[in-house]
Amino acid sequence: MKLKILLVFAILFSFSIFSVSAELFFNGYAGAKGDFYSNPSSTKEGFDPMFEIQAYFAGQLHISKQLLVRGEFSVQSEDIFKSGLFNDTIALFCINEISATYVKPFLGNTQYISAFFGTFEPIGSDVFLQRQFGMRPITSLITESWLGLRGSYIYPFYGAGASYILHFDRWPIASGFYLYKNHAENKENDDQINLDWRFATTTQFFTIDFATGIGAPLSKKYNDDDVILLIDTLYLHTGFEALIGNRYAYSFFIQTGFEQLTLREEASVEDSKIYLLLEPRFALEACNIHVTFFNFPARLLEANNDLQLPNKKLIFVEDSLGINMAIFTENLYIKNKNIGFGLHTTLSFPEKYLTNLKITSKEKLDALIDDYNVKLSPFLTASLMSGTLHSMLQINITNLKDGLEKALKLNIGYKAQL
């Protein structure tokens, strides 16, 4: 860890020697959200309250016109009521990203040369599109997260590495390569070196961000013998997101991809590693309607830490397979304040059905029908000072049989631009 920190400072120093004459400029975002609900695993009768907090900070420091440094950090707490409001509470702190980017003109175009640690512009997140083209977010509402700017993603550019992106200034096109090393979840559980190519473009009626790459586990064992280095397996990962149509009228949004496909003759992708989101969007005169069909890998829905904090990456989705309909409006003004409100209706099924999507018997069909979740989630947003106040009451219809207190969840959050 000390070596990595020293390397970060060395990279930042080497970049800074190019230009340090301009004034420093900082901008960023911060957000925090609290969840209040009854403990679903409690053995007590009635309401057993839980209160958890998520927060994140993301910012970029423009050291000069050529150099900018980015950082993103998040915190996720355990139940605050468990230890008491005024006592220490277990929390998970994560450094999502630390990166430095050097911007250099080249033959009428612009080069972006970056070094990074953490998760950097992952496949399936629209962070890359926002940074390259300055566009508004296009991802689905159901993939919103309060643990950073990215929401969900198909495959992370995660680890320690570098990237080279060429932005064509005459056309809305950006393309380049990522080279990074991480500790991937391959079968050998070895360190893995990855090389990815990315292409993105945006026009009035079409936007796409596509990436594909290979990962090579770096093994030091061969038939139980020690070797200097062995690469005997390659893994393929790929994904893209696209918006077809006009965001202010009718459009269709898609995200899809997979991870860790072994490049062998009889290779196949496991259902649990396929990411798929299909979302037709309708812009009516009075409201917007988004209908979302989704199939998420289990890794998006499970806690991946030793503390076993409850997973809160996604707000509306807790199961892997399902459909969601959002009816909302964003442009209602009350006393010069912009108010948005709407309703999410979600039908979802647990991840175990992704391992065998073929229903071969009536018993399996009955089990599928019996094990599901139906949720109604009315939500409200309002501009407040330099940010936006978010609130949502989620009602799990399938839990009403256990009492109203077991079916309700309230969350309130605030996001601000710094």
Foldseek 3Di string as FASTA:
>chain_A
DVVVVVVLVVVVVVLPVVDQPDDKDKWWKKKKKKKWAADLPDPDPDGHIFIKMKMKIKMKMPSDPFKIKIWMKMKIWFGCPVQHVPDDTDMDIDTAKTKMWGWDDDPQWIKIKMWMAHFDPAAAFCPVVCVLPVDDGDDDPQQDFRGDRGRDHQGTPHGTWMWMKIQRPVFQKIKTKIWHWDQDPDPVSAIKIKIKIWIWGDDQFKTKIWMKIKIWGWDQADPNDGHPTDTDKIFIWIKMWMWGGHPQAKIKIKIWIFTGFIPDDPTDGQLLGIWIKIWTWGHDPVWIKIKIWTAHHCVQQADDDPVRGHDRSGPPDNAGGWMKMKIKDFADDDPNKTKIKIKIWIKHAHPVCSRPVDDDDVVSVVVRVVGIWIKMKIKMWIDDDQWIKIKIWMATPVCCVSPRSNGIMIMIMIMGMD
